Amino acid sequence: MAEAEEERGPEETQPTAPTEGAEERPAARPQPPGDLFVEPLLHQFKTRRFFVLRPGTLKQAIKDVEALVDEEVDGSVHSIWLTAEVDHWDNEKERLVLITDNSLLVFKYDFVMFNCDQMQRIPLNIIDRIAHGQFSFPKNSLLQREGEGLRVFWDRLREPSFSSRWNPFATDFPFVTFIDHPVRSIGDAFAALCDMQTFRERLKEAAQKAHAMKPFPGKANGVLVLNQRIHIQAYVGLMSLIGNQNRLGYCMARGNIGF
């Protein structure tokens, strides 16, 4: 009998058929190594710290900035966008942007205190160029930036002064530069709200219409859309390096600070 059982050894490794009425459990699904989850979980943790993601925050913010729209000057609101602005020193700053009948409105909104700190109004009929593409810096610059941006120009004949280029707080530049907001990958709703390609198309359509309805003296009737590098004339940028790495231009939960 022992010899017979040894001969049947290979057959004993086969699974036995379940008996009638027995519960059949699905085979355990193999789990990938834990380190594969680290990066997605870390990214999710970081993005969830943005106050704009808190329930009701974005809705209240949109309500607040829409109340600042002057219908006599701006007309009706066409679309609302969540984005980030990059200034001439490569500093990122969280922004809400509205496209209306006559204006491009850029809001600096405090998502913590529910307050609009600053508003920039750009008439659509003076916009003459919209450029999009990778970023570039001077040859000897220590800075670099991944991804694409979008820059809106409205005075091609006016160049920023030397003092403005070296003043980190200067606001008299004849252009504004946007990039994707970091929360764009949270879900479909935020992906649509932060979509730079659709924003570019909507802005071009609105500006073309504004040019036709209210031509600006000395401006060609039309908007050029250019696929070209977006140049930032910054060299060292220690302030932007620290600020961008720590997202200081965004309203975020910073954690507890104590001594």
Protein backbone atom coordinates (compact mmCIF):
# COMPACT_ATOMS: atom_id res chain seq x y z
CA MET A 1 0.00 0.00 0.00
CA ALA A 2 2.86 2.37 0.80
CA GLU A 3 4.40 1.79 -2.63
CA ALA A 4 1.03 2.39 -4.33
CA GLU A 5 0.55 5.68 -2.46
CA GLU A 6 4.02 6.83 -3.47
CA GLU A 7 3.24 6.11 -7.12
CA ARG A 8 0.13 8.30 -6.85
CA GLY A 9 2.14 11.19 -5.45
CA PRO A 10 1.97 13.44 -8.54
CA GLU A 11 -1.82 12.99 -8.75
CA GLU A 12 -2.27 14.16 -5.15
CA THR A 13 -1.01 17.63 -6.10
CA GLN A 14 -4.09 18.23 -8.28
CA PRO A 15 -6.95 20.19 -6.63
CA THR A 16 -9.95 18.18 -5.59
CA ALA A 17 -13.37 19.03 -6.99
CA PRO A 18 -15.56 20.99 -4.53
CA THR A 19 -18.28 19.02 -2.90
CA GLU A 20 -21.89 19.92 -3.55
CA GLY A 21 -23.05 22.81 -1.39
CA ALA A 22 -19.53 23.88 -0.41
CA GLU A 23 -18.69 27.58 -0.79
CA GLU A 24 -16.25 28.18 -3.63
CA ARG A 25 -13.84 31.03 -2.79
CA PRO A 26 -12.07 32.97 -5.51
CA ALA A 27 -8.34 32.57 -5.72
CA ALA A 28 -6.37 35.24 -3.90
CA ARG A 29 -5.25 37.95 -6.29
CA PRO A 30 -1.49 38.46 -6.20
CA GLN A 31 -0.56 41.83 -4.74
CA PRO A 32 2.17 43.94 -6.34
CA PRO A 33 5.08 45.00 -4.18
CA GLY A 34 4.22 47.72 -1.68
CA ASP A 35 6.78 50.16 -3.08
CA LEU A 36 4.67 50.51 -6.25
CA PHE A 37 1.99 52.25 -4.19
CA VAL A 38 4.31 54.72 -2.49
CA GLU A 39 4.47 57.31 -5.28
CA PRO A 40 0.68 57.45 -6.00
CA LEU A 41 -0.13 57.63 -2.28
CA LEU A 42 2.45 60.34 -1.70
CA HIS A 43 1.11 62.34 -4.64
CA GLN A 44 -2.47 61.95 -3.34
CA PHE A 45 -1.42 63.08 0.12
CA LYS A 46 0.31 66.16 -1.23
CA THR A 47 -2.55 67.21 -3.52
CA ARG A 48 -5.18 66.74 -0.81
CA ARG A 49 -3.48 69.48 1.20
CA PHE A 50 -4.72 72.16 -1.23
CA PHE A 51 -7.54 74.16 0.34
CA VAL A 52 -9.29 74.45 -3.02
CA LEU A 53 -10.19 70.76 -2.64
CA ARG A 54 -12.03 71.25 0.65
CA PRO A 55 -15.80 70.72 0.28
CA GLY A 56 -17.57 73.92 -0.72
CA THR A 57 -14.38 75.98 -1.02
CA LEU A 58 -14.23 76.24 -4.80
CA LYS A 59 -17.96 76.90 -5.06
CA GLN A 60 -17.68 79.81 -2.62
CA ALA A 61 -14.60 81.16 -4.40
CA ILE A 62 -16.37 81.17 -7.77
CA LYS A 63 -19.34 82.94 -6.21
CA ASP A 64 -17.06 85.59 -4.71
CA VAL A 65 -15.13 86.36 -7.91
CA GLU A 66 -18.26 86.39 -10.05
CA ALA A 67 -19.62 89.09 -7.73
CA LEU A 68 -16.65 91.27 -8.74
CA VAL A 69 -17.48 91.12 -12.45
CA ASP A 70 -18.68 94.47 -13.77
CA GLU A 71 -21.30 93.63 -16.38
CA GLU A 72 -21.09 97.08 -17.95
CA VAL A 73 -17.36 96.68 -18.53
CA ASP A 74 -16.81 92.93 -18.70
CA GLY A 75 -20.14 91.60 -19.96
CA SER A 76 -21.30 88.09 -19.15
CA VAL A 77 -19.07 85.31 -17.82
CA HIS A 78 -18.29 82.62 -20.39
CA SER A 79 -16.01 80.24 -18.51
CA ILE A 80 -14.09 79.80 -15.25
CA TRP A 81 -10.63 78.25 -14.89
CA LEU A 82 -8.35 77.16 -12.07
CA THR A 83 -4.72 77.66 -12.95
CA ALA A 84 -1.38 78.97 -11.73
CA GLU A 85 0.52 82.02 -12.87
CA VAL A 86 4.27 82.07 -13.34
CA ASP A 87 5.81 85.52 -12.95
CA HIS A 88 9.01 86.93 -14.48
CA TRP A 89 11.07 85.49 -11.61
CA ASP A 90 9.61 82.00 -12.09
CA ASN A 91 7.39 82.15 -8.99
CA GLU A 92 4.17 80.10 -9.14
CA LYS A 93 0.97 81.70 -7.85
CA GLU A 94 -2.48 80.12 -7.59
CA ARG A 95 -5.11 81.88 -9.72
CA LEU A 96 -8.78 81.82 -10.67
CA VAL A 97 -9.36 83.06 -14.23
CA LEU A 98 -12.60 84.18 -15.86
CA ILE A 99 -13.25 84.73 -19.55
CA THR A 100 -16.10 87.16 -20.16
CA ASP A 101 -17.53 88.94 -23.18
CA ASN A 102 -14.93 91.69 -23.06
CA SER A 103 -12.28 90.78 -20.50
CA LEU A 104 -9.81 88.24 -19.23
CA LEU A 105 -10.01 88.48 -15.44
CA VAL A 106 -7.20 87.05 -13.31
CA PHE A 107 -7.93 86.72 -9.59
CA LYS A 108 -5.58 86.13 -6.69
CA TYR A 109 -7.97 84.41 -4.30
CA ASP A 110 -7.32 83.37 -0.71
CA PHE A 111 -8.95 79.93 -0.37
CA VAL A 112 -8.27 79.99 3.39
CA MET A 113 -9.93 83.30 4.28
CA PHE A 114 -12.39 83.28 1.32
CA ASN A 115 -11.24 86.65 0.10
CA CYS A 116 -10.11 88.07 -3.24
CA ASP A 117 -6.77 89.81 -2.69
CA GLN A 118 -6.14 91.07 -6.21
CA MET A 119 -7.83 91.32 -9.61
CA GLN A 120 -6.23 91.99 -12.99
CA ARG A 121 -8.49 93.02 -15.90
CA ILE A 122 -7.16 92.50 -19.44
CA PRO A 123 -9.44 93.72 -22.26
CA LEU A 124 -9.81 90.97 -24.82
CA ASN A 125 -9.62 93.37 -27.76
CA ILE A 126 -5.99 94.29 -26.97
CA ILE A 127 -4.75 90.68 -26.82
CA ASP A 128 -2.64 90.07 -29.94
CA ARG A 129 -0.75 86.82 -29.26
CA ILE A 130 -1.20 83.56 -27.37
CA ALA A 131 1.95 81.45 -27.13
CA HIS A 132 2.19 77.92 -25.78
CA GLY A 133 5.11 75.52 -25.43
CA GLN A 134 8.05 74.46 -23.28
CA PHE A 135 9.87 76.91 -21.05
CA SER A 136 13.33 78.29 -21.70
CA PHE A 137 15.82 80.26 -19.61
CA PRO A 138 19.02 82.19 -20.32
CA LYS A 139 22.09 80.16 -21.15
CA ASN A 140 23.76 80.68 -17.77
CA SER A 141 20.59 80.37 -15.71
CA LEU A 142 20.43 77.90 -12.84
CA LEU A 143 16.68 77.52 -13.26
CA GLN A 144 14.69 74.97 -15.20
CA ARG A 145 11.00 74.17 -15.49
CA GLU A 146 9.32 71.03 -16.79
CA GLY A 147 6.07 70.96 -18.72
CA GLU A 148 4.37 73.49 -20.95
CA GLY A 149 2.99 76.93 -20.30
CA LEU A 150 0.70 79.45 -21.95
CA ARG A 151 1.53 83.15 -22.29
CA VAL A 152 -0.95 85.85 -23.27
CA PHE A 153 0.47 89.05 -24.84
CA TRP A 154 -1.35 92.35 -25.28
CA ASP A 155 1.29 94.93 -26.25
CA ARG A 156 3.93 93.66 -28.62
CA LEU A 157 5.51 97.10 -29.01
CA ARG A 158 6.24 97.64 -25.32
CA GLU A 159 9.20 95.83 -23.78
CA PRO A 160 9.57 95.55 -20.00
CA SER A 161 12.04 98.07 -18.56
CA PHE A 162 15.36 97.04 -17.02
CA SER A 163 14.15 97.98 -13.54
CA SER A 164 10.99 95.89 -13.97
CA ARG A 165 12.97 92.82 -15.03
CA TRP A 166 15.02 92.95 -11.82
CA ASN A 167 12.13 93.86 -9.54
CA PRO A 168 10.44 90.66 -8.24
CA PHE A 169 7.32 92.65 -7.35
CA ALA A 170 6.89 94.41 -10.72
CA THR A 171 3.45 94.01 -12.32
CA ASP A 172 3.76 96.20 -15.43
CA PHE A 173 4.63 93.41 -17.86
CA PRO A 174 2.55 93.29 -21.08
CA PHE A 175 1.92 89.56 -20.74
CA VAL A 176 0.77 86.93 -18.26
CA THR A 177 1.94 83.31 -18.11
CA PHE A 178 -0.12 80.32 -16.97
CA ILE A 179 0.62 76.68 -16.17
CA ASP A 180 -1.44 73.69 -15.06
CA HIS A 181 -2.69 73.72 -11.49
CA PRO A 182 -1.29 70.79 -9.45
CA VAL A 183 -4.80 69.44 -8.64
CA ARG A 184 -5.65 68.84 -12.32
CA SER A 185 -5.17 65.06 -11.86
CA ILE A 186 -7.56 64.73 -8.91
CA GLY A 187 -10.62 63.90 -11.02
CA ASP A 188 -12.58 64.66 -14.16
CA ALA A 189 -14.12 67.85 -12.77
CA PHE A 190 -10.75 69.39 -11.90
CA ALA A 191 -9.19 68.08 -15.10
CA ALA A 192 -11.77 70.08 -17.07
CA LEU A 193 -11.38 73.14 -14.84
CA CYS A 194 -7.57 73.13 -15.30
CA ASP A 195 -7.41 72.14 -18.99
CA MET A 196 -4.92 74.55 -20.58
CA GLN A 197 -5.63 73.46 -24.15
CA THR A 198 -9.36 74.14 -23.86
CA PHE A 199 -8.61 77.39 -22.02
CA ARG A 200 -6.40 78.46 -24.93
CA GLU A 201 -9.09 77.68 -27.47
CA ARG A 202 -11.82 79.48 -25.51
CA LEU A 203 -9.60 82.51 -24.98
CA LYS A 204 -8.76 82.72 -28.67
CA GLU A 205 -12.43 82.54 -29.64
CA ALA A 206 -13.42 85.22 -27.13
CA ALA A 207 -10.55 87.53 -28.15
CA GLN A 208 -11.31 87.14 -31.85
CA LYS A 209 -14.92 88.05 -31.19
CA ALA A 210 -13.92 91.05 -29.08
CA HIS A 211 -11.59 92.26 -31.85
CA ALA A 212 -14.45 92.09 -34.34
CA MET A 213 -16.98 93.80 -32.06
CA LYS A 214 -14.69 96.50 -30.59
CA PRO A 215 -11.55 97.01 -32.70
CA PHE A 216 -8.73 98.67 -30.77
CA PRO A 217 -7.00 101.58 -32.59
CA GLY A 218 -3.61 100.53 -33.89
CA LYS A 219 -4.24 96.83 -33.36
CA ALA A 220 -4.55 94.26 -36.11
CA ASN A 221 -7.92 92.55 -36.00
CA GLY A 222 -6.94 89.05 -34.95
CA VAL A 223 -5.05 86.92 -32.47
CA LEU A 224 -1.97 84.90 -33.35
CA VAL A 225 -1.60 81.51 -31.66
CA LEU A 226 2.04 80.44 -31.66
CA ASN A 227 3.64 77.16 -30.63
CA GLN A 228 6.97 78.39 -29.32
CA ARG A 229 9.17 78.35 -26.25
CA ILE A 230 8.15 80.60 -23.38
CA HIS A 231 11.21 82.47 -22.19
CA ILE A 232 11.75 83.53 -18.58
CA GLN A 233 14.61 85.99 -18.10
CA ALA A 234 15.70 84.75 -14.69
CA TYR A 235 19.12 83.46 -13.64
CA VAL A 236 19.49 82.40 -10.00
CA GLY A 237 15.95 82.46 -8.59
CA LEU A 238 16.70 81.22 -5.07
CA MET A 239 13.41 82.70 -3.90
CA SER A 240 11.44 80.91 -6.62
CA LEU A 241 13.30 77.65 -6.05
CA ILE A 242 12.36 77.57 -2.37
CA GLY A 243 8.86 78.93 -2.97
CA ASN A 244 7.94 76.54 -5.77
CA GLN A 245 9.29 73.45 -4.02
CA ASN A 246 7.20 74.27 -0.96
CA ARG A 247 4.17 75.49 -2.94
CA LEU A 248 4.24 78.85 -1.15
CA GLY A 249 2.18 80.41 -3.93
CA TYR A 250 -0.78 78.10 -3.18
CA CYS A 251 -3.27 78.00 -0.32
CA MET A 252 -2.30 74.74 1.41
CA ALA A 253 -2.40 73.06 4.78
CA ARG A 254 1.14 73.52 6.08
CA GLY A 255 0.84 71.34 9.19
CA ASN A 256 1.42 72.29 12.81
CA ILE A 257 4.28 74.63 13.57
CA GLY A 258 5.59 74.71 17.12
CA PHE A 259 8.68 75.09 19.23
